[in-house]
Amino acid sequence: MRVIAGSARSLRLKTPEGMATRPTTDRIKETLFNIIGPSMYDCTFLDLFSGSGGIGIEALSRGAREAVFVESSPKAMKCIKENLTFTRLAPKALTVTSDVMNALCRLEGEKVFDFIFMDPPYDQGYERRVLEYLSESELAYEDTLIIVEASLDTDFSYAEEIGFSLIREKRYKTNKHVFLERAGREEIC
């Protein structure tokens, strides 16, 4: 796994050993950042269920002002910190070793994000719990783009009833990215 573009371009990132994390492949990461990349400069980025930190590091490499990495596994967080040091992006990063729901509560009132990315364990309902929290949260504002990496069969039909518009879905062979914003916004990415 490597950084695709920006200040840390081509640097190889470490991934935690074992099967507890599934790093986003370079090809899928490149497709994602081709979609959102033009908006990266000077943004604030929240990377939930961070794993190796590859998505948040890509955002920082492409010009994000700050990225917050939330990961519950101390082993994975050690890997994220090593990757941040190796890419020289650590000064623009905040790491939170905690389960996601507790981390969101701790960040409340301290941060507001332009992008919120989450790649939770598949088919366990974490997406919905996080989205329900974000629907009432000050961490996201009306222009915040929320991106969920999920299995192909993950259902997001509930999004509208909890206050989100599904604005785009990008499907790959084994998973998909779902792009959401608070309902009522007219512009589509």
N, C-alpha and C. Protein backbone atom coordinates (compact mmCIF):
# COMPACT_ATOMS: atom_id res chain seq x y z
N MET A 1 0.85 -1.17 0.00
CA MET A 1 0.00 0.00 0.00
C MET A 1 0.90 1.23 0.00
N ARG A 2 0.53 2.22 -0.82
CA ARG A 2 1.36 3.41 -0.94
C ARG A 2 0.49 4.67 -0.97
N VAL A 3 1.15 5.81 -0.80
CA VAL A 3 0.47 7.09 -0.96
C VAL A 3 0.44 7.38 -2.46
N ILE A 4 -0.73 7.74 -2.99
CA ILE A 4 -0.90 7.89 -4.43
C ILE A 4 -0.35 9.21 -4.95
N ALA A 5 -0.64 10.32 -4.27
CA ALA A 5 -0.26 11.64 -4.79
C ALA A 5 0.05 12.60 -3.65
N GLY A 6 0.62 13.75 -4.02
CA GLY A 6 0.87 14.80 -3.05
C GLY A 6 2.26 14.76 -2.46
N SER A 7 2.42 15.38 -1.31
CA SER A 7 3.74 15.55 -0.70
C SER A 7 4.41 14.24 -0.29
N ALA A 8 3.63 13.20 -0.02
CA ALA A 8 4.18 11.90 0.37
C ALA A 8 4.05 10.87 -0.75
N ARG A 9 3.88 11.35 -1.96
CA ARG A 9 3.65 10.48 -3.12
C ARG A 9 4.65 9.33 -3.20
N SER A 10 4.13 8.15 -3.49
CA SER A 10 4.88 6.91 -3.71
C SER A 10 5.47 6.29 -2.45
N LEU A 11 5.32 6.91 -1.30
CA LEU A 11 5.85 6.30 -0.08
C LEU A 11 4.99 5.10 0.31
N ARG A 12 5.65 4.01 0.66
CA ARG A 12 4.94 2.78 1.06
C ARG A 12 4.54 2.88 2.53
N LEU A 13 3.31 2.51 2.79
CA LEU A 13 2.78 2.53 4.15
C LEU A 13 2.76 1.13 4.74
N LYS A 14 2.97 1.07 6.06
CA LYS A 14 2.85 -0.20 6.77
C LYS A 14 1.38 -0.51 6.99
N THR A 15 1.06 -1.78 7.10
CA THR A 15 -0.29 -2.19 7.48
C THR A 15 -0.18 -3.12 8.68
N PRO A 16 -1.16 -3.08 9.56
CA PRO A 16 -1.12 -3.98 10.72
C PRO A 16 -1.13 -5.43 10.27
N GLU A 17 -0.38 -6.27 10.99
CA GLU A 17 -0.36 -7.69 10.66
C GLU A 17 -1.69 -8.32 11.03
N GLY A 18 -2.03 -9.40 10.34
CA GLY A 18 -3.26 -10.12 10.64
C GLY A 18 -4.42 -9.68 9.79
N MET A 19 -5.58 -10.22 10.12
CA MET A 19 -6.77 -9.99 9.32
C MET A 19 -7.76 -9.03 9.97
N ALA A 20 -7.35 -8.35 11.04
CA ALA A 20 -8.27 -7.46 11.76
C ALA A 20 -8.61 -6.21 10.96
N THR A 21 -7.74 -5.81 10.05
CA THR A 21 -8.02 -4.64 9.21
C THR A 21 -7.99 -5.07 7.74
N ARG A 22 -8.69 -4.29 6.89
CA ARG A 22 -8.66 -4.52 5.46
C ARG A 22 -8.29 -3.21 4.80
N PRO A 23 -7.02 -2.96 4.58
CA PRO A 23 -6.64 -1.68 3.97
C PRO A 23 -7.30 -1.50 2.60
N THR A 24 -7.74 -0.29 2.33
CA THR A 24 -8.31 0.04 1.03
C THR A 24 -7.21 -0.11 -0.01
N THR A 25 -7.48 -0.83 -1.09
CA THR A 25 -6.45 -1.05 -2.11
C THR A 25 -6.07 0.27 -2.77
N ASP A 26 -4.86 0.29 -3.33
CA ASP A 26 -4.38 1.51 -4.00
C ASP A 26 -5.32 1.93 -5.13
N ARG A 27 -5.81 0.97 -5.88
CA ARG A 27 -6.69 1.28 -7.01
C ARG A 27 -7.99 1.94 -6.54
N ILE A 28 -8.61 1.40 -5.49
CA ILE A 28 -9.85 1.97 -4.97
C ILE A 28 -9.58 3.34 -4.33
N LYS A 29 -8.46 3.44 -3.62
CA LYS A 29 -8.09 4.73 -3.01
C LYS A 29 -7.88 5.79 -4.09
N GLU A 30 -7.22 5.42 -5.17
CA GLU A 30 -7.00 6.36 -6.27
C GLU A 30 -8.33 6.81 -6.88
N THR A 31 -9.26 5.88 -7.07
CA THR A 31 -10.58 6.23 -7.60
C THR A 31 -11.30 7.19 -6.66
N LEU A 32 -11.27 6.88 -5.36
CA LEU A 32 -11.91 7.75 -4.38
C LEU A 32 -11.34 9.16 -4.44
N PHE A 33 -10.03 9.28 -4.46
CA PHE A 33 -9.42 10.61 -4.45
C PHE A 33 -9.52 11.32 -5.81
N ASN A 34 -9.74 10.58 -6.88
CA ASN A 34 -10.07 11.25 -8.15
C ASN A 34 -11.42 11.95 -8.03
N ILE A 35 -12.32 11.40 -7.22
CA ILE A 35 -13.64 12.00 -7.01
C ILE A 35 -13.56 13.19 -6.07
N ILE A 36 -12.88 13.03 -4.94
CA ILE A 36 -12.90 14.08 -3.90
C ILE A 36 -11.64 14.94 -3.86
N GLY A 37 -10.60 14.52 -4.56
CA GLY A 37 -9.29 15.19 -4.50
C GLY A 37 -9.29 16.68 -4.71
N PRO A 38 -10.05 17.21 -5.67
CA PRO A 38 -10.01 18.66 -5.90
C PRO A 38 -10.44 19.48 -4.68
N SER A 39 -11.12 18.88 -3.72
CA SER A 39 -11.58 19.60 -2.53
C SER A 39 -10.70 19.37 -1.31
N MET A 40 -9.57 18.71 -1.47
CA MET A 40 -8.73 18.36 -0.33
C MET A 40 -7.97 19.54 0.27
N TYR A 41 -7.57 20.49 -0.56
CA TYR A 41 -6.69 21.55 -0.05
C TYR A 41 -7.33 22.31 1.10
N ASP A 42 -6.62 22.37 2.20
CA ASP A 42 -6.98 23.13 3.40
C ASP A 42 -8.25 22.63 4.09
N CYS A 43 -8.64 21.38 3.83
CA CYS A 43 -9.84 20.84 4.47
C CYS A 43 -9.48 20.18 5.81
N THR A 44 -10.51 19.87 6.57
CA THR A 44 -10.36 19.07 7.77
C THR A 44 -10.98 17.71 7.48
N PHE A 45 -10.29 16.64 7.88
CA PHE A 45 -10.64 15.28 7.46
C PHE A 45 -10.69 14.38 8.68
N LEU A 46 -11.78 13.64 8.83
CA LEU A 46 -11.94 12.68 9.91
C LEU A 46 -11.93 11.28 9.32
N ASP A 47 -10.99 10.46 9.77
CA ASP A 47 -10.83 9.09 9.29
C ASP A 47 -11.24 8.14 10.42
N LEU A 48 -12.45 7.59 10.34
CA LEU A 48 -12.98 6.69 11.37
C LEU A 48 -12.69 5.24 11.00
N PHE A 49 -12.43 4.42 12.00
CA PHE A 49 -12.04 3.02 11.78
C PHE A 49 -10.80 3.04 10.88
N SER A 50 -9.78 3.75 11.29
CA SER A 50 -8.64 4.13 10.43
C SER A 50 -7.77 2.99 9.94
N GLY A 51 -7.68 1.88 10.66
CA GLY A 51 -6.83 0.77 10.21
C GLY A 51 -5.37 1.16 10.16
N SER A 52 -4.81 1.30 8.97
CA SER A 52 -3.41 1.71 8.81
C SER A 52 -3.28 3.22 8.61
N GLY A 53 -4.41 3.91 8.46
CA GLY A 53 -4.39 5.36 8.27
C GLY A 53 -4.22 5.79 6.83
N GLY A 54 -4.28 4.86 5.89
CA GLY A 54 -4.01 5.17 4.49
C GLY A 54 -4.88 6.26 3.88
N ILE A 55 -6.18 6.29 4.25
CA ILE A 55 -7.08 7.28 3.65
C ILE A 55 -6.79 8.67 4.20
N GLY A 56 -6.68 8.79 5.51
CA GLY A 56 -6.37 10.09 6.11
C GLY A 56 -5.00 10.60 5.71
N ILE A 57 -4.03 9.71 5.59
CA ILE A 57 -2.69 10.10 5.14
C ILE A 57 -2.73 10.60 3.70
N GLU A 58 -3.51 9.93 2.86
CA GLU A 58 -3.68 10.40 1.48
C GLU A 58 -4.26 11.81 1.47
N ALA A 59 -5.26 12.06 2.32
CA ALA A 59 -5.87 13.40 2.40
C ALA A 59 -4.83 14.43 2.82
N LEU A 60 -4.02 14.12 3.83
CA LEU A 60 -2.97 15.05 4.27
C LEU A 60 -1.93 15.28 3.17
N SER A 61 -1.54 14.22 2.51
CA SER A 61 -0.55 14.33 1.43
C SER A 61 -1.05 15.23 0.31
N ARG A 62 -2.36 15.24 0.09
CA ARG A 62 -2.96 16.04 -0.97
C ARG A 62 -3.37 17.44 -0.51
N GLY A 63 -2.98 17.82 0.70
CA GLY A 63 -3.18 19.21 1.11
C GLY A 63 -4.17 19.48 2.21
N ALA A 64 -4.75 18.44 2.81
CA ALA A 64 -5.66 18.68 3.93
C ALA A 64 -4.90 19.40 5.04
N ARG A 65 -5.58 20.32 5.68
CA ARG A 65 -4.97 21.10 6.78
C ARG A 65 -4.76 20.22 8.01
N GLU A 66 -5.73 19.34 8.26
CA GLU A 66 -5.67 18.49 9.45
C GLU A 66 -6.46 17.22 9.20
N ALA A 67 -5.98 16.12 9.78
CA ALA A 67 -6.72 14.87 9.76
C ALA A 67 -6.72 14.28 11.15
N VAL A 68 -7.88 13.76 11.54
CA VAL A 68 -8.03 13.08 12.82
C VAL A 68 -8.26 11.60 12.51
N PHE A 69 -7.47 10.75 13.15
CA PHE A 69 -7.52 9.31 12.94
C PHE A 69 -8.10 8.66 14.19
N VAL A 70 -9.18 7.91 14.02
CA VAL A 70 -9.82 7.22 15.14
C VAL A 70 -9.73 5.72 14.88
N GLU A 71 -9.12 5.02 15.83
CA GLU A 71 -8.92 3.57 15.70
C GLU A 71 -8.92 2.97 17.10
N SER A 72 -9.65 1.89 17.30
CA SER A 72 -9.73 1.30 18.64
C SER A 72 -8.57 0.35 18.95
N SER A 73 -7.96 -0.22 17.93
CA SER A 73 -6.88 -1.19 18.14
C SER A 73 -5.55 -0.47 18.41
N PRO A 74 -4.96 -0.71 19.58
CA PRO A 74 -3.65 -0.09 19.85
C PRO A 74 -2.58 -0.52 18.84
N LYS A 75 -2.65 -1.77 18.39
CA LYS A 75 -1.69 -2.27 17.40
C LYS A 75 -1.83 -1.50 16.08
N ALA A 76 -3.06 -1.30 15.63
CA ALA A 76 -3.29 -0.53 14.40
C ALA A 76 -2.88 0.93 14.61
N MET A 77 -3.19 1.50 15.76
CA MET A 77 -2.82 2.90 16.02
C MET A 77 -1.31 3.08 16.01
N LYS A 78 -0.58 2.11 16.51
CA LYS A 78 0.90 2.17 16.45
C LYS A 78 1.34 2.25 14.99
N CYS A 79 0.71 1.46 14.14
CA CYS A 79 1.01 1.47 12.70
C CYS A 79 0.69 2.84 12.09
N ILE A 80 -0.45 3.41 12.44
CA ILE A 80 -0.84 4.74 11.94
C ILE A 80 0.21 5.77 12.33
N LYS A 81 0.62 5.76 13.59
CA LYS A 81 1.61 6.74 14.06
C LYS A 81 2.95 6.57 13.34
N GLU A 82 3.36 5.32 13.10
CA GLU A 82 4.60 5.07 12.35
C GLU A 82 4.47 5.60 10.92
N ASN A 83 3.31 5.37 10.29
CA ASN A 83 3.09 5.87 8.93
C ASN A 83 3.10 7.40 8.89
N LEU A 84 2.49 8.03 9.89
CA LEU A 84 2.47 9.50 9.94
C LEU A 84 3.89 10.06 10.10
N THR A 85 4.69 9.41 10.94
CA THR A 85 6.08 9.85 11.12
C THR A 85 6.87 9.65 9.84
N PHE A 86 6.74 8.47 9.23
CA PHE A 86 7.46 8.14 8.01
C PHE A 86 7.14 9.12 6.87
N THR A 87 5.88 9.51 6.74
CA THR A 87 5.47 10.43 5.67
C THR A 87 5.68 11.90 6.03
N ARG A 88 6.11 12.16 7.25
CA ARG A 88 6.34 13.52 7.77
C ARG A 88 5.04 14.32 7.85
N LEU A 89 3.95 13.63 8.05
CA LEU A 89 2.64 14.29 8.14
C LEU A 89 2.11 14.35 9.56
N ALA A 90 2.86 13.82 10.51
CA ALA A 90 2.41 13.77 11.91
C ALA A 90 2.03 15.15 12.49
N PRO A 91 2.72 16.24 12.13
CA PRO A 91 2.33 17.53 12.72
C PRO A 91 0.91 17.99 12.36
N LYS A 92 0.35 17.43 11.28
CA LYS A 92 -1.00 17.83 10.86
C LYS A 92 -2.06 16.80 11.25
N ALA A 93 -1.67 15.86 12.14
CA ALA A 93 -2.56 14.76 12.50
C ALA A 93 -2.84 14.73 13.99
N LEU A 94 -4.03 14.27 14.31
CA LEU A 94 -4.42 13.97 15.68
C LEU A 94 -4.87 12.53 15.69
N THR A 95 -4.34 11.73 16.61
CA THR A 95 -4.72 10.33 16.69
C THR A 95 -5.53 10.11 17.98
N VAL A 96 -6.58 9.32 17.85
CA VAL A 96 -7.46 9.01 18.98
C VAL A 96 -7.62 7.49 19.03
N THR A 97 -7.07 6.88 20.09
CA THR A 97 -7.22 5.44 20.27
C THR A 97 -8.45 5.22 21.14
N SER A 98 -9.53 4.87 20.50
CA SER A 98 -10.81 4.75 21.19
C SER A 98 -11.81 4.10 20.25
N ASP A 99 -12.89 3.57 20.81
CA ASP A 99 -13.95 3.13 19.91
C ASP A 99 -14.57 4.39 19.30
N VAL A 100 -15.13 4.24 18.13
CA VAL A 100 -15.57 5.38 17.33
C VAL A 100 -16.64 6.22 18.05
N MET A 101 -17.61 5.59 18.66
CA MET A 101 -18.69 6.36 19.29
C MET A 101 -18.17 7.22 20.44
N ASN A 102 -17.28 6.67 21.26
CA ASN A 102 -16.68 7.47 22.33
C ASN A 102 -15.83 8.60 21.77
N ALA A 103 -15.09 8.31 20.71
CA ALA A 103 -14.25 9.34 20.09
C ALA A 103 -15.10 10.49 19.54
N LEU A 104 -16.21 10.16 18.89
CA LEU A 104 -17.09 11.20 18.35
C LEU A 104 -17.58 12.11 19.48
N CYS A 105 -17.97 11.52 20.59
CA CYS A 105 -18.43 12.32 21.74
C CYS A 105 -17.31 13.21 22.27
N ARG A 106 -16.08 12.68 22.33
CA ARG A 106 -14.95 13.47 22.82
C ARG A 106 -14.58 14.61 21.87
N LEU A 107 -14.77 14.41 20.58
CA LEU A 107 -14.44 15.45 19.60
C LEU A 107 -15.52 16.53 19.49
N GLU A 108 -16.71 16.21 19.95
CA GLU A 108 -17.85 17.13 19.85
C GLU A 108 -17.51 18.48 20.51
N GLY A 109 -17.78 19.55 19.78
CA GLY A 109 -17.50 20.89 20.29
C GLY A 109 -16.07 21.33 20.10
N GLU A 110 -15.19 20.40 19.70
CA GLU A 110 -13.77 20.72 19.50
C GLU A 110 -13.42 20.86 18.02
N LYS A 111 -14.10 20.11 17.18
CA LYS A 111 -13.76 20.04 15.75
C LYS A 111 -15.02 20.08 14.90
N VAL A 112 -14.85 20.54 13.66
CA VAL A 112 -15.87 20.46 12.62
C VAL A 112 -15.13 19.98 11.37
N PHE A 113 -15.70 19.02 10.66
CA PHE A 113 -14.99 18.40 9.55
C PHE A 113 -15.64 18.68 8.20
N ASP A 114 -14.78 18.85 7.19
CA ASP A 114 -15.24 19.00 5.81
C ASP A 114 -15.53 17.63 5.20
N PHE A 115 -14.74 16.63 5.60
CA PHE A 115 -14.90 15.26 5.12
C PHE A 115 -14.88 14.32 6.31
N ILE A 116 -15.80 13.36 6.29
CA ILE A 116 -15.79 12.28 7.28
C ILE A 116 -15.81 10.98 6.50
N PHE A 117 -14.74 10.20 6.67
CA PHE A 117 -14.61 8.91 5.98
C PHE A 117 -14.70 7.82 7.03
N MET A 118 -15.46 6.78 6.73
CA MET A 118 -15.48 5.62 7.63
C MET A 118 -15.42 4.32 6.84
N ASP A 119 -14.64 3.41 7.37
CA ASP A 119 -14.49 2.07 6.79
C ASP A 119 -14.64 1.06 7.92
N PRO A 120 -15.87 0.93 8.45
CA PRO A 120 -16.08 0.03 9.59
C PRO A 120 -16.06 -1.43 9.18
N PRO A 121 -15.94 -2.33 10.17
CA PRO A 121 -16.10 -3.76 9.84
C PRO A 121 -17.43 -3.96 9.11
N TYR A 122 -17.40 -4.74 8.06
CA TYR A 122 -18.58 -4.91 7.22
C TYR A 122 -19.70 -5.66 7.93
N ASP A 123 -20.92 -5.29 7.55
CA ASP A 123 -22.14 -6.00 7.91
C ASP A 123 -22.37 -6.14 9.41
N GLN A 124 -21.98 -5.11 10.17
CA GLN A 124 -22.21 -5.13 11.61
C GLN A 124 -23.03 -3.92 12.08
N GLY A 125 -23.48 -3.09 11.15
CA GLY A 125 -24.36 -1.99 11.50
C GLY A 125 -23.67 -0.74 12.02
N TYR A 126 -22.35 -0.71 12.02
CA TYR A 126 -21.65 0.48 12.52
C TYR A 126 -21.97 1.73 11.72
N GLU A 127 -22.15 1.57 10.39
CA GLU A 127 -22.43 2.73 9.54
C GLU A 127 -23.66 3.48 10.05
N ARG A 128 -24.70 2.74 10.29
CA ARG A 128 -25.95 3.36 10.71
C ARG A 128 -25.78 4.08 12.05
N ARG A 129 -25.12 3.42 13.01
CA ARG A 129 -24.92 4.05 14.33
C ARG A 129 -24.15 5.36 14.21
N VAL A 130 -23.11 5.36 13.39
CA VAL A 130 -22.32 6.59 13.22
C VAL A 130 -23.15 7.65 12.51
N LEU A 131 -23.87 7.28 11.47
CA LEU A 131 -24.70 8.25 10.75
C LEU A 131 -25.80 8.82 11.65
N GLU A 132 -26.41 7.98 12.47
CA GLU A 132 -27.42 8.48 13.40
C GLU A 132 -26.81 9.51 14.35
N TYR A 133 -25.61 9.24 14.82
CA TYR A 133 -24.93 10.20 15.70
C TYR A 133 -24.64 11.50 14.93
N LEU A 134 -24.09 11.36 13.74
CA LEU A 134 -23.70 12.55 12.95
C LEU A 134 -24.90 13.40 12.53
N SER A 135 -26.08 12.78 12.45
CA SER A 135 -27.26 13.54 12.03
C SER A 135 -27.60 14.66 13.02
N GLU A 136 -27.19 14.51 14.26
CA GLU A 136 -27.45 15.52 15.30
C GLU A 136 -26.17 16.20 15.79
N SER A 137 -25.06 15.89 15.17
CA SER A 137 -23.75 16.32 15.67
C SER A 137 -23.29 17.65 15.07
N GLU A 138 -22.49 18.36 15.83
CA GLU A 138 -21.85 19.57 15.34
C GLU A 138 -20.51 19.27 14.66
N LEU A 139 -20.12 17.99 14.61
CA LEU A 139 -18.89 17.61 13.92
C LEU A 139 -19.05 17.75 12.40
N ALA A 140 -20.28 17.65 11.94
CA ALA A 140 -20.60 17.77 10.52
C ALA A 140 -21.50 18.97 10.32
N TYR A 141 -21.23 19.73 9.28
CA TYR A 141 -22.09 20.86 8.94
C TYR A 141 -22.76 20.56 7.61
N GLU A 142 -23.54 21.50 7.09
CA GLU A 142 -24.35 21.20 5.90
C GLU A 142 -23.54 20.83 4.67
N ASP A 143 -22.28 21.27 4.57
CA ASP A 143 -21.45 20.94 3.41
C ASP A 143 -20.50 19.77 3.64
N THR A 144 -20.53 19.17 4.82
CA THR A 144 -19.65 18.04 5.11
C THR A 144 -20.02 16.86 4.21
N LEU A 145 -19.01 16.28 3.57
CA LEU A 145 -19.22 15.10 2.74
C LEU A 145 -18.83 13.88 3.58
N ILE A 146 -19.77 12.97 3.74
CA ILE A 146 -19.54 11.74 4.50
C ILE A 146 -19.41 10.60 3.49
N ILE A 147 -18.32 9.86 3.62
CA ILE A 147 -18.04 8.75 2.70
C ILE A 147 -17.95 7.47 3.51
N VAL A 148 -18.73 6.48 3.11
CA VAL A 148 -18.73 5.19 3.80
C VAL A 148 -18.22 4.13 2.84
N GLU A 149 -17.21 3.39 3.28
CA GLU A 149 -16.78 2.21 2.54
C GLU A 149 -17.51 1.03 3.15
N ALA A 150 -18.24 0.28 2.32
CA ALA A 150 -19.10 -0.78 2.83
C ALA A 150 -19.13 -1.95 1.85
N SER A 151 -19.66 -3.07 2.33
CA SER A 151 -19.85 -4.22 1.45
C SER A 151 -20.90 -3.86 0.40
N LEU A 152 -20.89 -4.57 -0.71
CA LEU A 152 -21.82 -4.28 -1.80
C LEU A 152 -23.28 -4.39 -1.39
N ASP A 153 -23.58 -5.27 -0.45
CA ASP A 153 -24.98 -5.46 -0.08
C ASP A 153 -25.43 -4.62 1.13
N THR A 154 -24.59 -3.72 1.61
CA THR A 154 -24.99 -2.86 2.73
C THR A 154 -26.09 -1.91 2.27
N ASP A 155 -27.17 -1.90 3.03
CA ASP A 155 -28.35 -1.10 2.69
C ASP A 155 -28.27 0.28 3.34
N PHE A 156 -28.47 1.31 2.55
CA PHE A 156 -28.50 2.68 3.06
C PHE A 156 -29.86 3.33 2.83
N SER A 157 -30.91 2.52 2.67
CA SER A 157 -32.24 3.07 2.40
C SER A 157 -32.76 3.91 3.57
N TYR A 158 -32.22 3.74 4.75
CA TYR A 158 -32.62 4.50 5.94
C TYR A 158 -32.03 5.90 5.98
N ALA A 159 -31.07 6.21 5.11
CA ALA A 159 -30.32 7.47 5.20
C ALA A 159 -31.22 8.70 5.20
N GLU A 160 -32.21 8.71 4.33
CA GLU A 160 -33.09 9.87 4.23
C GLU A 160 -33.88 10.09 5.51
N GLU A 161 -34.36 9.01 6.12
CA GLU A 161 -35.17 9.16 7.33
C GLU A 161 -34.37 9.68 8.52
N ILE A 162 -33.03 9.55 8.49
CA ILE A 162 -32.23 10.11 9.58
C ILE A 162 -31.55 11.42 9.18
N GLY A 163 -31.93 11.97 8.02
CA GLY A 163 -31.49 13.31 7.65
C GLY A 163 -30.36 13.43 6.66
N PHE A 164 -30.10 12.38 5.88
CA PHE A 164 -29.03 12.43 4.90
C PHE A 164 -29.55 12.18 3.49
N SER A 165 -28.86 12.78 2.52
CA SER A 165 -29.12 12.49 1.11
C SER A 165 -27.97 11.64 0.60
N LEU A 166 -28.30 10.55 -0.07
CA LEU A 166 -27.29 9.74 -0.73
C LEU A 166 -27.05 10.40 -2.09
N ILE A 167 -25.87 10.97 -2.26
CA ILE A 167 -25.63 11.75 -3.47
C ILE A 167 -24.84 11.00 -4.54
N ARG A 168 -24.19 9.91 -4.12
CA ARG A 168 -23.43 9.15 -5.11
C ARG A 168 -23.06 7.79 -4.51
N GLU A 169 -22.96 6.81 -5.38
CA GLU A 169 -22.48 5.50 -4.96
C GLU A 169 -21.52 5.01 -6.03
N LYS A 170 -20.33 4.60 -5.61
CA LYS A 170 -19.34 4.07 -6.53
C LYS A 170 -19.08 2.63 -6.14
N ARG A 171 -19.43 1.70 -7.05
CA ARG A 171 -19.31 0.27 -6.78
C ARG A 171 -18.02 -0.28 -7.39
N TYR A 172 -17.40 -1.20 -6.64
CA TYR A 172 -16.20 -1.91 -7.08
C TYR A 172 -16.54 -3.40 -7.10
N LYS A 173 -15.57 -4.27 -7.31
CA LYS A 173 -15.84 -5.71 -7.36
C LYS A 173 -16.38 -6.24 -6.04
N THR A 174 -15.78 -5.83 -4.93
CA THR A 174 -16.13 -6.44 -3.65
C THR A 174 -16.73 -5.47 -2.63
N ASN A 175 -16.71 -4.19 -2.92
CA ASN A 175 -17.24 -3.21 -1.97
C ASN A 175 -17.69 -1.95 -2.70
N LYS A 176 -18.07 -0.93 -1.94
CA LYS A 176 -18.55 0.30 -2.56
C LYS A 176 -18.24 1.48 -1.65
N HIS A 177 -18.23 2.67 -2.25
CA HIS A 177 -18.18 3.93 -1.51
C HIS A 177 -19.53 4.60 -1.68
N VAL A 178 -20.10 5.01 -0.56
CA VAL A 178 -21.37 5.72 -0.55
C VAL A 178 -21.09 7.14 -0.05
N PHE A 179 -21.56 8.13 -0.81
CA PHE A 179 -21.32 9.54 -0.50
C PHE A 179 -22.63 10.15 -0.01
N LEU A 180 -22.58 10.74 1.17
CA LEU A 180 -23.79 11.29 1.79
C LEU A 180 -23.54 12.72 2.27
N GLU A 181 -24.61 13.49 2.29
CA GLU A 181 -24.59 14.83 2.87
C GLU A 181 -25.88 15.02 3.63
N ARG A 182 -25.88 16.00 4.51
CA ARG A 182 -27.13 16.32 5.20
C ARG A 182 -28.18 16.69 4.17
N ALA A 183 -29.40 16.23 4.35
CA ALA A 183 -30.48 16.47 3.42
C ALA A 183 -30.73 17.96 3.27
N GLY A 184 -31.14 18.35 2.07
CA GLY A 184 -31.47 19.75 1.81
C GLY A 184 -30.42 20.47 0.99
N ARG A 185 -29.22 19.91 0.87
CA ARG A 185 -28.18 20.54 0.07
C ARG A 185 -28.45 20.22 -1.39
N GLU A 186 -28.37 21.24 -2.25
CA GLU A 186 -28.71 21.03 -3.66
C GLU A 186 -27.53 20.63 -4.53
N GLU A 187 -26.35 21.10 -4.22
CA GLU A 187 -25.18 20.83 -5.04
C GLU A 187 -24.78 19.36 -4.91
N ILE A 188 -24.43 18.73 -6.01
CA ILE A 188 -24.01 17.33 -6.01
C ILE A 188 -22.58 17.23 -6.49
N CYS A 189 -21.77 16.44 -5.76
CA CYS A 189 -20.35 16.33 -6.12
C CYS A 189 -20.18 15.51 -7.38
